[in-house]
PDB file of N, CA and C in Angstrom:
ATOM      1  N   UNK A   1      85.704 137.506-204.862  1.00  0.00           N
ATOM      2  CA  UNK A   1      84.488 138.269-204.733  1.00  0.00           C
ATOM      3  C   UNK A   1      84.097 138.347-203.259  1.00  0.00           C
ATOM      4  N   UNK A   2      83.616 139.583-202.878  1.00  0.00           N
ATOM      5  CA  UNK A   2      83.299 139.814-201.491  1.00  0.00           C
ATOM      6  C   UNK A   2      82.034 139.085-201.101  1.00  0.00           C
ATOM      7  N   UNK A   3      82.126 138.417-200.002  1.00  0.00           N
ATOM      8  CA  UNK A   3      80.937 137.728-199.453  1.00  0.00           C
ATOM      9  C   UNK A   3      80.274 138.564-198.376  1.00  0.00           C
ATOM     10  N   UNK A   4      78.945 138.523-198.403  1.00  0.00           N
ATOM     11  CA  UNK A   4      78.160 139.311-197.365  1.00  0.00           C
ATOM     12  C   UNK A   4      77.408 138.410-196.455  1.00  0.00           C
ATOM     13  N   UNK A   5      77.438 138.653-195.171  1.00  0.00           N
ATOM     14  CA  UNK A   5      76.859 137.837-194.233  1.00  0.00           C
ATOM     15  C   UNK A   5      75.953 138.693-193.284  1.00  0.00           C
ATOM     16  N   UNK A   6      74.657 138.475-193.254  1.00  0.00           N
ATOM     17  CA  UNK A   6      73.727 139.194-192.339  1.00  0.00           C
ATOM     18  C   UNK A   6      73.529 138.470-191.000  1.00  0.00           C
ATOM     19  N   UNK A   7      73.147 139.277-190.066  1.00  0.00           N
ATOM     20  CA  UNK A   7      72.879 138.803-188.693  1.00  0.00           C
ATOM     21  C   UNK A   7      71.915 139.761-188.072  1.00  0.00           C
ATOM     22  N   UNK A   8      71.303 139.302-186.989  1.00  0.00           N
ATOM     23  CA  UNK A   8      70.498 140.155-186.130  1.00  0.00           C
ATOM     24  C   UNK A   8      68.982 139.944-186.309  1.00  0.00           C
ATOM     25  N   UNK A   9      68.596 138.998-187.244  1.00  0.00           N
ATOM     26  CA  UNK A   9      67.132 138.832-187.422  1.00  0.00           C
ATOM     27  C   UNK A   9      66.506 138.104-186.156  1.00  0.00           C
ATOM     28  N   UNK A  10      65.334 137.990-186.131  1.00  0.00           N
ATOM     29  CA  UNK A  10      64.605 137.263-185.051  1.00  0.00           C
ATOM     30  C   UNK A  10      63.144 137.622-184.957  1.00  0.00           C
ATOM     31  N   UNK A  11      62.559 137.257-183.888  1.00  0.00           N
ATOM     32  CA  UNK A  11      61.188 137.442-183.591  1.00  0.00           C
ATOM     33  C   UNK A  11      61.117 138.677-182.603  1.00  0.00           C
ATOM     34  N   UNK A  12      60.247 139.617-183.050  1.00  0.00           N
ATOM     35  CA  UNK A  12      60.072 140.788-182.219  1.00  0.00           C
ATOM     36  C   UNK A  12      58.588 141.161-182.224  1.00  0.00           C
ATOM     37  N   UNK A  13      58.146 141.748-181.126  1.00  0.00           N
ATOM     38  CA  UNK A  13      56.698 142.169-181.047  1.00  0.00           C
ATOM     39  C   UNK A  13      56.506 143.450-181.764  1.00  0.00           C
ATOM     40  N   UNK A  14      55.190 143.697-182.269  1.00  0.00           N
ATOM     41  CA  UNK A  14      54.913 144.941-182.964  1.00  0.00           C
ATOM     42  C   UNK A  14      55.360 146.148-182.040  1.00  0.00           C
ATOM     43  N   UNK A  15      55.900 147.124-182.622  1.00  0.00           N
ATOM     44  CA  UNK A  15      56.331 148.302-181.919  1.00  0.00           C
ATOM     45  C   UNK A  15      57.834 148.197-181.361  1.00  0.00           C
ATOM     46  N   UNK A  16      58.365 146.924-181.519  1.00  0.00           N
ATOM     47  CA  UNK A  16      59.723 146.716-181.104  1.00  0.00           C
ATOM     48  C   UNK A  16      60.778 147.141-182.094  1.00  0.00           C
ATOM     49  N   UNK A  17      62.056 146.934-181.688  1.00  0.00           N
ATOM     50  CA  UNK A  17      63.187 147.294-182.560  1.00  0.00           C
ATOM     51  C   UNK A  17      64.077 146.127-182.737  1.00  0.00           C
ATOM     52  N   UNK A  18      64.787 146.157-183.887  1.00  0.00           N
ATOM     53  CA  UNK A  18      65.848 145.276-184.252  1.00  0.00           C
ATOM     54  C   UNK A  18      66.956 145.975-185.012  1.00  0.00           C
ATOM     55  N   UNK A  19      68.123 145.486-184.923  1.00  0.00           N
ATOM     56  CA  UNK A  19      69.290 146.018-185.622  1.00  0.00           C
ATOM     57  C   UNK A  19      69.858 144.862-186.406  1.00  0.00           C
ATOM     58  N   UNK A  20      69.851 145.019-187.716  1.00  0.00           N
ATOM     59  CA  UNK A  20      70.483 144.042-188.579  1.00  0.00           C
ATOM     60  C   UNK A  20      71.917 144.486-189.036  1.00  0.00           C
ATOM     61  N   UNK A  21      72.783 143.596-189.116  1.00  0.00           N
ATOM     62  CA  UNK A  21      74.117 143.863-189.532  1.00  0.00           C
ATOM     63  C   UNK A  21      74.536 143.027-190.763  1.00  0.00           C
ATOM     64  N   UNK A  22      75.422 143.575-191.528  1.00  0.00           N
ATOM     65  CA  UNK A  22      75.876 142.939-192.690  1.00  0.00           C
ATOM     66  C   UNK A  22      77.471 142.984-192.593  1.00  0.00           C
ATOM     67  N   UNK A  23      78.085 141.880-192.571  1.00  0.00           N
ATOM     68  CA  UNK A  23      79.484 141.896-192.491  1.00  0.00           C
ATOM     69  C   UNK A  23      80.086 141.453-193.811  1.00  0.00           C
ATOM     70  N   UNK A  24      81.104 142.107-194.342  1.00  0.00           N
ATOM     71  CA  UNK A  24      81.727 141.759-195.577  1.00  0.00           C
ATOM     72  C   UNK A  24      83.063 141.029-195.441  1.00  0.00           C
ATOM     73  N   UNK A  25      83.297 140.062-196.292  1.00  0.00           N
ATOM     74  CA  UNK A  25      84.591 139.384-196.165  1.00  0.00           C
ATOM     75  C   UNK A  25      85.772 140.220-196.658  1.00  0.00           C
ATOM     76  N   UNK A  26      85.441 141.240-197.396  1.00  0.00           N
ATOM     77  CA  UNK A  26      86.483 142.116-197.804  1.00  0.00           C
ATOM     78  C   UNK A  26      86.011 143.642-197.766  1.00  0.00           C
ATOM     79  N   UNK A  27      86.622 144.427-198.523  1.00  0.00           N
ATOM     80  CA  UNK A  27      86.332 145.799-198.495  1.00  0.00           C
ATOM     81  C   UNK A  27      85.020 146.208-199.136  1.00  0.00           C
ATOM     82  N   UNK A  28      84.160 146.949-198.447  1.00  0.00           N
ATOM     83  CA  UNK A  28      82.889 147.407-199.088  1.00  0.00           C
ATOM     84  C   UNK A  28      83.073 148.740-199.713  1.00  0.00           C
ATOM     85  N   UNK A  29      84.266 149.305-199.626  1.00  0.00           N
ATOM     86  CA  UNK A  29      84.515 150.706-200.189  1.00  0.00           C
ATOM     87  C   UNK A  29      84.398 150.640-201.755  1.00  0.00           C
ATOM     88  N   UNK A  30      84.596 149.383-202.353  1.00  0.00           N
ATOM     89  CA  UNK A  30      84.531 149.309-203.783  1.00  0.00           C
ATOM     90  C   UNK A  30      83.052 149.377-204.234  1.00  0.00           C
ATOM     91  N   UNK A  31      82.125 149.107-203.374  1.00  0.00           N
ATOM     92  CA  UNK A  31      80.680 149.140-203.707  1.00  0.00           C
ATOM     93  C   UNK A  31      80.178 150.549-203.661  1.00  0.00           C
ATOM     94  N   UNK A  32      79.708 151.128-204.705  1.00  0.00           N
ATOM     95  CA  UNK A  32      79.131 152.375-204.657  1.00  0.00           C
ATOM     96  C   UNK A  32      77.922 152.419-203.766  1.00  0.00           C
ATOM     97  N   UNK A  33      77.087 151.428-203.897  1.00  0.00           N
ATOM     98  CA  UNK A  33      75.855 151.420-203.092  1.00  0.00           C
ATOM     99  C   UNK A  33      75.764 150.144-202.235  1.00  0.00           C
ATOM    100  N   UNK A  34      75.396 150.300-201.026  1.00  0.00           N
ATOM    101  CA  UNK A  34      75.011 149.169-200.139  1.00  0.00           C
ATOM    102  C   UNK A  34      73.552 149.261-199.824  1.00  0.00           C
ATOM    103  N   UNK A  35      72.879 148.165-199.825  1.00  0.00           N
ATOM    104  CA  UNK A  35      71.463 148.252-199.652  1.00  0.00           C
ATOM    105  C   UNK A  35      71.013 147.081-198.791  1.00  0.00           C
ATOM    106  N   UNK A  36      69.700 147.240-198.366  1.00  0.00           N
ATOM    107  CA  UNK A  36      68.965 146.184-197.737  1.00  0.00           C
ATOM    108  C   UNK A  36      67.676 145.948-198.503  1.00  0.00           C
ATOM    109  N   UNK A  37      67.422 144.772-198.893  1.00  0.00           N
ATOM    110  CA  UNK A  37      66.198 144.313-199.523  1.00  0.00           C
ATOM    111  C   UNK A  37      65.421 143.396-198.552  1.00  0.00           C
ATOM    112  N   UNK A  38      64.112 143.253-198.855  1.00  0.00           N
ATOM    113  CA  UNK A  38      63.356 142.285-198.104  1.00  0.00           C
ATOM    114  C   UNK A  38      62.377 141.579-199.056  1.00  0.00           C
ATOM    115  N   UNK A  39      62.089 140.333-198.631  1.00  0.00           N
ATOM    116  CA  UNK A  39      61.147 139.567-199.466  1.00  0.00           C
ATOM    117  C   UNK A  39      60.195 138.844-198.392  1.00  0.00           C
ATOM    118  N   UNK A  40      58.974 139.263-198.500  1.00  0.00           N
ATOM    119  CA  UNK A  40      57.958 138.609-197.721  1.00  0.00           C
ATOM    120  C   UNK A  40      57.438 137.322-198.438  1.00  0.00           C
ATOM    121  N   UNK A  41      56.881 136.389-197.724  1.00  0.00           N
ATOM    122  CA  UNK A  41      56.405 135.144-198.334  1.00  0.00           C
ATOM    123  C   UNK A  41      55.355 135.454-199.454  1.00  0.00           C
ATOM    124  N   UNK A  42      55.626 134.882-200.622  1.00  0.00           N
ATOM    125  CA  UNK A  42      54.769 135.081-201.749  1.00  0.00           C
ATOM    126  C   UNK A  42      54.842 136.361-202.456  1.00  0.00           C
ATOM    127  N   UNK A  43      55.803 137.192-202.062  1.00  0.00           N
ATOM    128  CA  UNK A  43      55.931 138.498-202.693  1.00  0.00           C
ATOM    129  C   UNK A  43      57.271 138.631-203.315  1.00  0.00           C
ATOM    130  N   UNK A  44      57.440 139.671-204.055  1.00  0.00           N
ATOM    131  CA  UNK A  44      58.714 140.000-204.771  1.00  0.00           C
ATOM    132  C   UNK A  44      59.701 140.636-203.823  1.00  0.00           C
ATOM    133  N   UNK A  45      60.966 140.580-204.066  1.00  0.00           N
ATOM    134  CA  UNK A  45      61.975 141.228-203.322  1.00  0.00           C
ATOM    135  C   UNK A  45      61.934 142.710-203.535  1.00  0.00           C
ATOM    136  N   UNK A  46      61.852 143.459-202.556  1.00  0.00           N
ATOM    137  CA  UNK A  46      61.841 144.950-202.625  1.00  0.00           C
ATOM    138  C   UNK A  46      63.013 145.656-201.942  1.00  0.00           C
ATOM    139  N   UNK A  47      63.421 146.761-202.426  1.00  0.00           N
ATOM    140  CA  UNK A  47      64.453 147.620-201.878  1.00  0.00           C
ATOM    141  C   UNK A  47      63.750 148.256-200.563  1.00  0.00           C
ATOM    142  N   UNK A  48      64.518 148.193-199.448  1.00  0.00           N
ATOM    143  CA  UNK A  48      64.214 148.759-198.262  1.00  0.00           C
ATOM    144  C   UNK A  48      64.918 150.105-198.025  1.00  0.00           C
ATOM    145  N   UNK A  49      66.238 150.014-198.089  1.00  0.00           N
ATOM    146  CA  UNK A  49      67.052 151.168-197.918  1.00  0.00           C
ATOM    147  C   UNK A  49      68.342 150.993-198.596  1.00  0.00           C
ATOM    148  N   UNK A  50      68.935 152.191-199.014  1.00  0.00           N
ATOM    149  CA  UNK A  50      70.171 152.205-199.774  1.00  0.00           C
ATOM    150  C   UNK A  50      71.048 153.331-199.218  1.00  0.00           C
ATOM    151  N   UNK A  51      72.322 153.078-199.218  1.00  0.00           N
ATOM    152  CA  UNK A  51      73.259 154.167-198.820  1.00  0.00           C
ATOM    153  C   UNK A  51      74.451 154.084-199.814  1.00  0.00           C
ATOM    154  N   UNK A  52      74.815 155.304-200.328  1.00  0.00           N
ATOM    155  CA  UNK A  52      75.877 155.376-201.234  1.00  0.00           C
ATOM    156  C   UNK A  52      77.262 155.525-200.521  1.00  0.00           C
ATOM    157  N   UNK A  53      78.321 155.453-201.307  1.00  0.00           N
ATOM    158  CA  UNK A  53      79.603 155.577-200.691  1.00  0.00           C
ATOM    159  C   UNK A  53      79.812 156.905-200.076  1.00  0.00           C
ATOM    160  N   UNK A  54      79.048 157.895-200.550  1.00  0.00           N
ATOM    161  CA  UNK A  54      79.173 159.229-199.994  1.00  0.00           C
ATOM    162  C   UNK A  54      78.165 159.472-198.713  1.00  0.00           C
ATOM    163  N   UNK A  55      77.366 158.474-198.488  1.00  0.00           N
ATOM    164  CA  UNK A  55      76.404 158.590-197.344  1.00  0.00           C
ATOM    165  C   UNK A  55      75.085 158.995-197.681  1.00  0.00           C
ATOM    166  N   UNK A  56      74.760 159.138-198.958  1.00  0.00           N
ATOM    167  CA  UNK A  56      73.399 159.485-199.310  1.00  0.00           C
ATOM    168  C   UNK A  56      72.464 158.331-199.179  1.00  0.00           C
ATOM    169  N   UNK A  57      71.312 158.563-198.538  1.00  0.00           N
ATOM    170  CA  UNK A  57      70.394 157.398-198.240  1.00  0.00           C
ATOM    171  C   UNK A  57      69.088 157.494-198.990  1.00  0.00           C
ATOM    172  N   UNK A  58      68.504 156.438-199.201  1.00  0.00           N
ATOM    173  CA  UNK A  58      67.128 156.380-199.819  1.00  0.00           C
ATOM    174  C   UNK A  58      66.402 155.273-199.080  1.00  0.00           C
ATOM    175  N   UNK A  59      65.119 155.571-198.840  1.00  0.00           N
ATOM    176  CA  UNK A  59      64.290 154.509-198.151  1.00  0.00           C
ATOM    177  C   UNK A  59      62.973 154.255-198.847  1.00  0.00           C
ATOM    178  N   UNK A  60      62.449 153.062-198.722  1.00  0.00           N
ATOM    179  CA  UNK A  60      61.141 152.812-199.220  1.00  0.00           C
ATOM    180  C   UNK A  60      60.155 153.621-198.449  1.00  0.00           C
ATOM    181  N   UNK A  61      59.058 154.100-199.039  1.00  0.00           N
ATOM    182  CA  UNK A  61      58.068 154.897-198.355  1.00  0.00           C
ATOM    183  C   UNK A  61      57.530 154.206-197.075  1.00  0.00           C
ATOM    184  N   UNK A  62      57.389 152.885-197.160  1.00  0.00           N
ATOM    185  CA  UNK A  62      56.770 152.179-195.974  1.00  0.00           C
ATOM    186  C   UNK A  62      57.665 152.080-194.798  1.00  0.00           C
ATOM    187  N   UNK A  63      58.972 152.438-194.892  1.00  0.00           N
ATOM    188  CA  UNK A  63      59.883 152.408-193.719  1.00  0.00           C
ATOM    189  C   UNK A  63      60.440 153.813-193.407  1.00  0.00           C
ATOM    190  N   UNK A  64      60.111 154.827-194.101  1.00  0.00           N
ATOM    191  CA  UNK A  64      60.631 156.185-193.795  1.00  0.00           C
ATOM    192  C   UNK A  64      60.272 156.625-192.470  1.00  0.00           C
ATOM    193  N   UNK A  65      61.247 157.092-191.692  1.00  0.00           N
ATOM    194  CA  UNK A  65      61.013 157.572-190.313  1.00  0.00           C
ATOM    195  C   UNK A  65      61.106 156.483-189.265  1.00  0.00           C
ATOM    196  N   UNK A  66      61.168 155.231-189.694  1.00  0.00           N
ATOM    197  CA  UNK A  66      61.263 154.012-188.805  1.00  0.00           C
ATOM    198  C   UNK A  66      62.609 153.311-188.907  1.00  0.00           C
ATOM    199  N   UNK A  67      63.155 153.286-190.200  1.00  0.00           N
ATOM    200  CA  UNK A  67      64.399 152.613-190.345  1.00  0.00           C
ATOM    201  C   UNK A  67      65.558 153.513-190.661  1.00  0.00           C
ATOM    202  N   UNK A  68      66.749 153.163-190.301  1.00  0.00           N
ATOM    203  CA  UNK A  68      67.886 153.891-190.540  1.00  0.00           C
ATOM    204  C   UNK A  68      68.979 152.982-191.103  1.00  0.00           C
ATOM    205  N   UNK A  69      69.732 153.436-192.116  1.00  0.00           N
ATOM    206  CA  UNK A  69      70.819 152.624-192.735  1.00  0.00           C
ATOM    207  C   UNK A  69      72.162 153.353-192.467  1.00  0.00           C
ATOM    208  N   UNK A  70      73.177 152.564-192.229  1.00  0.00           N
ATOM    209  CA  UNK A  70      74.485 153.151-191.981  1.00  0.00           C
ATOM    210  C   UNK A  70      75.506 152.157-192.566  1.00  0.00           C
ATOM    211  N   UNK A  71      76.655 152.770-192.938  1.00  0.00           N
ATOM    212  CA  UNK A  71      77.739 151.920-193.433  1.00  0.00           C
ATOM    213  C   UNK A  71      79.068 152.399-192.768  1.00  0.00           C
ATOM    214  N   UNK A  72      79.926 151.467-192.477  1.00  0.00           N
ATOM    215  CA  UNK A  72      81.212 151.698-191.876  1.00  0.00           C
ATOM    216  C   UNK A  72      82.192 151.094-192.805  1.00  0.00           C
ATOM    217  N   UNK A  73      82.799 151.941-193.704  1.00  0.00           N
ATOM    218  CA  UNK A  73      83.786 151.438-194.667  1.00  0.00           C
ATOM    219  C   UNK A  73      84.978 150.911-193.972  1.00  0.00           C
ATOM    220  N   UNK A  74      85.418 151.450-192.895  1.00  0.00           N
ATOM    221  CA  UNK A  74      86.582 150.961-192.169  1.00  0.00           C
ATOM    222  C   UNK A  74      86.368 149.605-191.553  1.00  0.00           C
ATOM    223  N   UNK A  75      85.188 149.298-191.128  1.00  0.00           N
ATOM    224  CA  UNK A  75      84.847 148.016-190.532  1.00  0.00           C
ATOM    225  C   UNK A  75      84.228 147.014-191.513  1.00  0.00           C
ATOM    226  N   UNK A  76      83.937 147.568-192.659  1.00  0.00           N
ATOM    227  CA  UNK A  76      83.333 146.745-193.730  1.00  0.00           C
ATOM    228  C   UNK A  76      81.978 146.206-193.252  1.00  0.00           C
ATOM    229  N   UNK A  77      81.186 147.013-192.670  1.00  0.00           N
ATOM    230  CA  UNK A  77      79.842 146.644-192.171  1.00  0.00           C
ATOM    231  C   UNK A  77      78.768 147.627-192.632  1.00  0.00           C
ATOM    232  N   UNK A  78      77.586 147.091-192.742  1.00  0.00           N
ATOM    233  CA  UNK A  78      76.334 147.895-193.091  1.00  0.00           C
ATOM    234  C   UNK A  78      75.288 147.436-192.115  1.00  0.00           C
ATOM    235  N   UNK A  79      74.594 148.454-191.550  1.00  0.00           N
ATOM    236  CA  UNK A  79      73.600 148.096-190.554  1.00  0.00           C
ATOM    237  C   UNK A  79      72.264 148.765-190.919  1.00  0.00           C
ATOM    238  N   UNK A  80      71.241 148.092-190.456  1.00  0.00           N
ATOM    239  CA  UNK A  80      69.846 148.557-190.715  1.00  0.00           C
ATOM    240  C   UNK A  80      69.214 148.575-189.298  1.00  0.00           C
ATOM    241  N   UNK A  81      68.932 149.751-188.829  1.00  0.00           N
ATOM    242  CA  UNK A  81      68.291 149.960-187.457  1.00  0.00           C
ATOM    243  C   UNK A  81      66.838 150.084-187.763  1.00  0.00           C
ATOM    244  N   UNK A  82      66.026 149.167-187.203  1.00  0.00           N
ATOM    245  CA  UNK A  82      64.591 149.185-187.455  1.00  0.00           C
ATOM    246  C   UNK A  82      63.821 149.436-186.169  1.00  0.00           C
ATOM    247  N   UNK A  83      62.892 150.460-186.186  1.00  0.00           N
ATOM    248  CA  UNK A  83      62.209 150.809-184.984  1.00  0.00           C
ATOM    249  C   UNK A  83      60.667 150.715-185.341  1.00  0.00           C
ATOM    250  N   UNK A  84      59.871 150.680-184.294  1.00  0.00           N
ATOM    251  CA  UNK A  84      58.466 150.663-184.438  1.00  0.00           C
ATOM    252  C   UNK A  84      58.009 149.695-185.506  1.00  0.00           C
ATOM    253  N   UNK A  85      58.491 148.428-185.340  1.00  0.00           N
ATOM    254  CA  UNK A  85      58.272 147.388-186.305  1.00  0.00           C
ATOM    255  C   UNK A  85      56.788 147.000-186.334  1.00  0.00           C
ATOM    256  N   UNK A  86      56.278 146.652-187.551  1.00  0.00           N
ATOM    257  CA  UNK A  86      54.936 146.271-187.795  1.00  0.00           C
ATOM    258  C   UNK A  86      54.898 144.879-188.390  1.00  0.00           C
ATOM    259  N   UNK A  87      53.765 144.165-188.214  1.00  0.00           N
ATOM    260  CA  UNK A  87      53.662 142.816-188.741  1.00  0.00           C
ATOM    261  C   UNK A  87      53.958 142.773-190.187  1.00  0.00           C
ATOM    262  N   UNK A  88      53.671 143.825-190.998  1.00  0.00           N
ATOM    263  CA  UNK A  88      53.947 143.832-192.362  1.00  0.00           C
ATOM    264  C   UNK A  88      55.469 143.914-192.778  1.00  0.00           C
ATOM    265  N   UNK A  89      56.288 144.197-191.750  1.00  0.00           N
ATOM    266  CA  UNK A  89      57.703 144.232-191.895  1.00  0.00           C
ATOM    267  C   UNK A  89      58.325 142.787-191.895  1.00  0.00           C
ATOM    268  N   UNK A  90      57.516 141.833-191.630  1.00  0.00           N
ATOM    269  CA  UNK A  90      57.962 140.439-191.621  1.00  0.00           C
ATOM    270  C   UNK A  90      58.483 140.071-192.953  1.00  0.00           C
ATOM    271  N   UNK A  91      59.722 139.581-192.967  1.00  0.00           N
ATOM    272  CA  UNK A  91      60.335 139.190-194.343  1.00  0.00           C
ATOM    273  C   UNK A  91      61.717 138.666-194.067  1.00  0.00           C
ATOM    274  N   UNK A  92      62.313 138.158-195.194  1.00  0.00           N
ATOM    275  CA  UNK A  92      63.718 137.828-195.138  1.00  0.00           C
ATOM    276  C   UNK A  92      64.421 139.069-195.656  1.00  0.00           C
ATOM    277  N   UNK A  93      65.331 139.579-194.916  1.00  0.00           N
ATOM    278  CA  UNK A  93      66.177 140.781-195.193  1.00  0.00           C
ATOM    279  C   UNK A  93      67.538 140.367-195.733  1.00  0.00           C
ATOM    280  N   UNK A  94      67.843 140.909-196.852  1.00  0.00           N
ATOM    281  CA  UNK A  94      69.129 140.598-197.500  1.00  0.00           C
ATOM    282  C   UNK A  94      70.016 141.795-197.755  1.00  0.00           C
ATOM    283  N   UNK A  95      71.247 141.645-197.512  1.00  0.00           N
ATOM    284  CA  UNK A  95      72.297 142.737-197.799  1.00  0.00           C
ATOM    285  C   UNK A  95      72.747 142.675-199.226  1.00  0.00           C
ATOM    286  N   UNK A  96      72.904 143.768-199.795  1.00  0.00           N
ATOM    287  CA  UNK A  96      73.341 143.817-201.279  1.00  0.00           C
ATOM    288  C   UNK A  96      74.301 144.882-201.466  1.00  0.00           C
ATOM    289  N   UNK A  97      75.384 144.640-202.285  1.00  0.00           N
ATOM    290  CA  UNK A  97      76.358 145.579-202.622  1.00  0.00           C
ATOM    291  C   UNK A  97      76.489 145.675-204.186  1.00  0.00           C
ATOM    292  N   UNK A  98      76.701 146.776-204.705  1.00  0.00           N
ATOM    293  CA  UNK A  98      76.794 146.931-206.133  1.00  0.00           C
ATOM    294  C   UNK A  98      77.583 148.273-206.515  1.00  0.00           C
ATOM    295  N   UNK A  99      78.149 148.344-207.709  1.00  0.00           N
ATOM    296  CA  UNK A  99      78.523 147.205-208.516  1.00  0.00           C
ATOM    297  C   UNK A  99      79.869 146.575-208.044  1.00  0.00           C
ATOM    298  N   UNK A 100      80.111 145.358-208.493  1.00  0.00           N
ATOM    299  CA  UNK A 100      79.193 144.418-209.104  1.00  0.00           C
ATOM    300  C   UNK A 100      78.323 143.837-207.969  1.00  0.00           C
ATOM    301  N   UNK A 101      77.347 143.115-208.460  1.00  0.00           N
ATOM    302  CA  UNK A 101      76.300 142.489-207.538  1.00  0.00           C
ATOM    303  C   UNK A 101      76.942 141.581-206.519  1.00  0.00           C
ATOM    304  N   UNK A 102      76.568 141.790-205.273  1.00  0.00           N
ATOM    305  CA  UNK A 102      76.939 140.819-204.189  1.00  0.00           C
ATOM    306  C   UNK A 102      75.741 140.730-203.243  1.00  0.00           C
ATOM    307  N   UNK A 103      75.345 139.468-202.867  1.00  0.00           N
ATOM    308  CA  UNK A 103      74.165 139.237-202.016  1.00  0.00           C
ATOM    309  C   UNK A 103      74.568 138.458-200.832  1.00  0.00           C
ATOM    310  N   UNK A 104      73.946 138.767-199.749  1.00  0.00           N
ATOM    311  CA  UNK A 104      73.997 137.880-198.562  1.00  0.00           C
ATOM    312  C   UNK A 104      72.971 136.845-198.600  1.00  0.00           C
ATOM    313  N   UNK A 105      72.989 135.918-197.677  1.00  0.00           N
ATOM    314  CA  UNK A 105      72.075 134.750-197.698  1.00  0.00           C
ATOM    315  C   UNK A 105      70.690 135.163-197.104  1.00  0.00           C
ATOM    316  N   UNK A 106      70.648 136.254-196.345  1.00  0.00           N
ATOM    317  CA  UNK A 106      69.385 136.740-195.796  1.00  0.00           C
ATOM    318  C   UNK A 106      69.220 136.370-194.292  1.00  0.00           C
ATOM    319  N   UNK A 107      68.463 137.151-193.633  1.00  0.00           N
ATOM    320  CA  UNK A 107      68.149 136.835-192.229  1.00  0.00           C
ATOM    321  C   UNK A 107      66.661 137.132-192.044  1.00  0.00           C
ATOM    322  N   UNK A 108      65.975 136.283-191.278  1.00  0.00           N
ATOM    323  CA  UNK A 108      64.508 136.393-191.177  1.00  0.00           C
ATOM    324  C   UNK A 108      64.152 137.297-190.007  1.00  0.00           C
ATOM    325  N   UNK A 109      63.206 138.211-190.342  1.00  0.00           N
ATOM    326  CA  UNK A 109      62.676 139.084-189.273  1.00  0.00           C
ATOM    327  C   UNK A 109      61.159 138.797-189.241  1.00  0.00           C
ATOM    328  N   UNK A 110      60.759 138.443-188.062  1.00  0.00           N
ATOM    329  CA  UNK A 110      59.248 138.113-187.777  1.00  0.00           C
ATOM    330  C   UNK A 110      58.749 139.058-186.797  1.00  0.00           C
ATOM    331  N   UNK A 111      57.726 139.784-187.142  1.00  0.00           N
ATOM    332  CA  UNK A 111      57.108 140.760-186.233  1.00  0.00           C
ATOM    333  C   UNK A 111      55.755 140.207-185.911  1.00  0.00           C
ATOM    334  N   UNK A 112      55.581 139.750-184.704  1.00  0.00           N
ATOM    335  CA  UNK A 112      54.356 139.140-184.221  1.00  0.00           C
ATOM    336  C   UNK A 112      54.255 139.212-182.813  1.00  0.00           C
ATOM    337  N   UNK A 113      52.948 139.256-182.343  1.00  0.00           N
ATOM    338  CA  UNK A 113      52.659 139.165-180.856  1.00  0.00           C
ATOM    339  C   UNK A 113      52.438 137.716-180.457  1.00  0.00           C
TER     340      UNK A 113
END
């Protein structure tokens, strides 16, 4: 089973940028959809962005125009570029591939001054 490992989280000031990366232990080409989810403290896990094998993208309304998702099937990586970050973007961000389901362990993003 393909393992997913996220990196790039950290502390950033409001208005700042971060780039999250998800590295797979094997090929991500088998996954039709690669996604980023996030879970804030005390809240449910929500879809942030999704990209299909063909490159079609979907974003949560709250991040449209600020976040970009990309996938590199040759390098087996998926990235989430986040700009103009807001305190409400603070959460644990997890990489997901499907089908079948594969999850990373998550990386914490904290947006605070």
